[in-house]
Amino acid sequence: MDREHVKGVADKAKGAIKEGAGKLSGDKDLQREGKADKAKGAVHNVAGDVKDAARDAADAVKK
């Protein structure tokens, strides 16, 4: 697991907590922040997947 994947997991967890807290308290702004953090986490995961694919392709070329 590389740095991008770790950031993605952290942002998704933070977003889920914020979104849940917003739902419980009725705070729509906090809910939106949570959804934004979860989306940011998904972007980090995709970036990590792209890096993994590039690394795998480079390794395949070396062989």
C-alpha atoms as a PDB file:
ATOM      1  CA  MET A   1       0.000   0.000   0.000  1.00  0.00           C
ATOM      2  CA  ASP A   2       1.543   3.268  -1.084  1.00  0.00           C
ATOM      3  CA  ARG A   3       1.111   6.796   0.227  1.00  0.00           C
ATOM      4  CA  GLU A   4      -1.827   7.618  -2.070  1.00  0.00           C
ATOM      5  CA  HIS A   5      -3.807   4.607  -0.876  1.00  0.00           C
ATOM      6  CA  VAL A   6      -3.130   5.499   2.754  1.00  0.00           C
ATOM      7  CA  LYS A   7      -4.310   9.071   2.154  1.00  0.00           C
ATOM      8  CA  GLY A   8      -7.398   7.710   0.430  1.00  0.00           C
ATOM      9  CA  VAL A   9      -8.333   5.449   3.314  1.00  0.00           C
ATOM     10  CA  ALA A  10      -7.768   8.244   5.827  1.00  0.00           C
ATOM     11  CA  ASP A  11      -9.865  10.751   3.881  1.00  0.00           C
ATOM     12  CA  LYS A  12     -12.678   8.246   3.388  1.00  0.00           C
ATOM     13  CA  ALA A  13     -12.740   7.454   7.111  1.00  0.00           C
ATOM     14  CA  LYS A  14     -12.669  11.123   8.056  1.00  0.00           C
ATOM     15  CA  GLY A  15     -15.447  11.802   5.579  1.00  0.00           C
ATOM     16  CA  ALA A  16     -17.611   8.996   6.905  1.00  0.00           C
ATOM     17  CA  ILE A  17     -17.244  10.324  10.445  1.00  0.00           C
ATOM     18  CA  LYS A  18     -18.080  13.883   9.416  1.00  0.00           C
ATOM     19  CA  GLU A  19     -21.037  12.763   7.331  1.00  0.00           C
ATOM     20  CA  GLY A  20     -22.377  10.625  10.185  1.00  0.00           C
ATOM     21  CA  ALA A  21     -21.931  13.410  12.695  1.00  0.00           C
ATOM     22  CA  GLY A  22     -23.691  15.800  10.342  1.00  0.00           C
ATOM     23  CA  LYS A  23     -26.627  13.431   9.971  1.00  0.00           C
ATOM     24  CA  LEU A  24     -26.923  12.975  13.723  1.00  0.00           C
ATOM     25  CA  SER A  25     -26.761  16.680  14.453  1.00  0.00           C
ATOM     26  CA  GLY A  26     -28.757  17.782  11.410  1.00  0.00           C
ATOM     27  CA  ASP A  27     -25.789  19.862  10.183  1.00  0.00           C
ATOM     28  CA  LYS A  28     -26.031  19.862   6.379  1.00  0.00           C
ATOM     29  CA  ASP A  29     -22.674  21.656   5.980  1.00  0.00           C
ATOM     30  CA  LEU A  30     -20.892  18.947   7.952  1.00  0.00           C
ATOM     31  CA  GLN A  31     -22.613  16.293   5.846  1.00  0.00           C
ATOM     32  CA  ARG A  32     -21.378  18.003   2.662  1.00  0.00           C
ATOM     33  CA  GLU A  33     -17.852  18.245   4.075  1.00  0.00           C
ATOM     34  CA  GLY A  34     -17.959  14.541   4.821  1.00  0.00           C
ATOM     35  CA  LYS A  35     -19.090  13.695   1.314  1.00  0.00           C
ATOM     36  CA  ALA A  36     -16.342  15.904  -0.108  1.00  0.00           C
ATOM     37  CA  ASP A  37     -13.717  14.183   2.047  1.00  0.00           C
ATOM     38  CA  LYS A  38     -14.968  10.783   0.915  1.00  0.00           C
ATOM     39  CA  ALA A  39     -14.728  11.888  -2.724  1.00  0.00           C
ATOM     40  CA  LYS A  40     -11.210  13.192  -2.090  1.00  0.00           C
ATOM     41  CA  GLY A  41     -10.319   9.792  -0.653  1.00  0.00           C
ATOM     42  CA  ALA A  42     -11.639   8.079  -3.761  1.00  0.00           C
ATOM     43  CA  VAL A  43      -9.442  10.326  -5.918  1.00  0.00           C
ATOM     44  CA  HIS A  44      -6.387   9.393  -3.849  1.00  0.00           C
ATOM     45  CA  ASN A  45      -7.233   5.710  -4.299  1.00  0.00           C
ATOM     46  CA  VAL A  46      -7.481   6.116  -8.068  1.00  0.00           C
ATOM     47  CA  ALA A  47      -4.150   7.951  -8.108  1.00  0.00           C
ATOM     48  CA  GLY A  48      -2.634   5.086  -6.138  1.00  0.00           C
ATOM     49  CA  ASP A  49      -4.077   2.571  -8.586  1.00  0.00           C
ATOM     50  CA  VAL A  50      -2.584   4.502 -11.519  1.00  0.00           C
ATOM     51  CA  LYS A  51       0.812   4.547  -9.825  1.00  0.00           C
ATOM     52  CA  ASP A  52       0.567   0.802  -9.172  1.00  0.00           C
ATOM     53  CA  ALA A  53      -0.323   0.128 -12.802  1.00  0.00           C
ATOM     54  CA  ALA A  54       2.574   2.272 -14.033  1.00  0.00           C
ATOM     55  CA  ARG A  55       4.958   0.514 -11.666  1.00  0.00           C
ATOM     56  CA  ASP A  56       3.707  -2.907 -12.814  1.00  0.00           C
ATOM     57  CA  ALA A  57       4.068  -1.907 -16.471  1.00  0.00           C
ATOM     58  CA  ALA A  58       7.615  -0.684 -15.863  1.00  0.00           C
ATOM     59  CA  ASP A  59       8.471  -3.951 -14.095  1.00  0.00           C
ATOM     60  CA  ALA A  60       7.033  -5.959 -16.993  1.00  0.00           C
ATOM     61  CA  VAL A  61       9.165  -4.040 -19.493  1.00  0.00           C
ATOM     62  CA  LYS A  62      12.287  -4.733 -17.443  1.00  0.00           C
ATOM     63  CA  LYS A  63      11.692  -8.506 -17.618  1.00  0.00           C
END
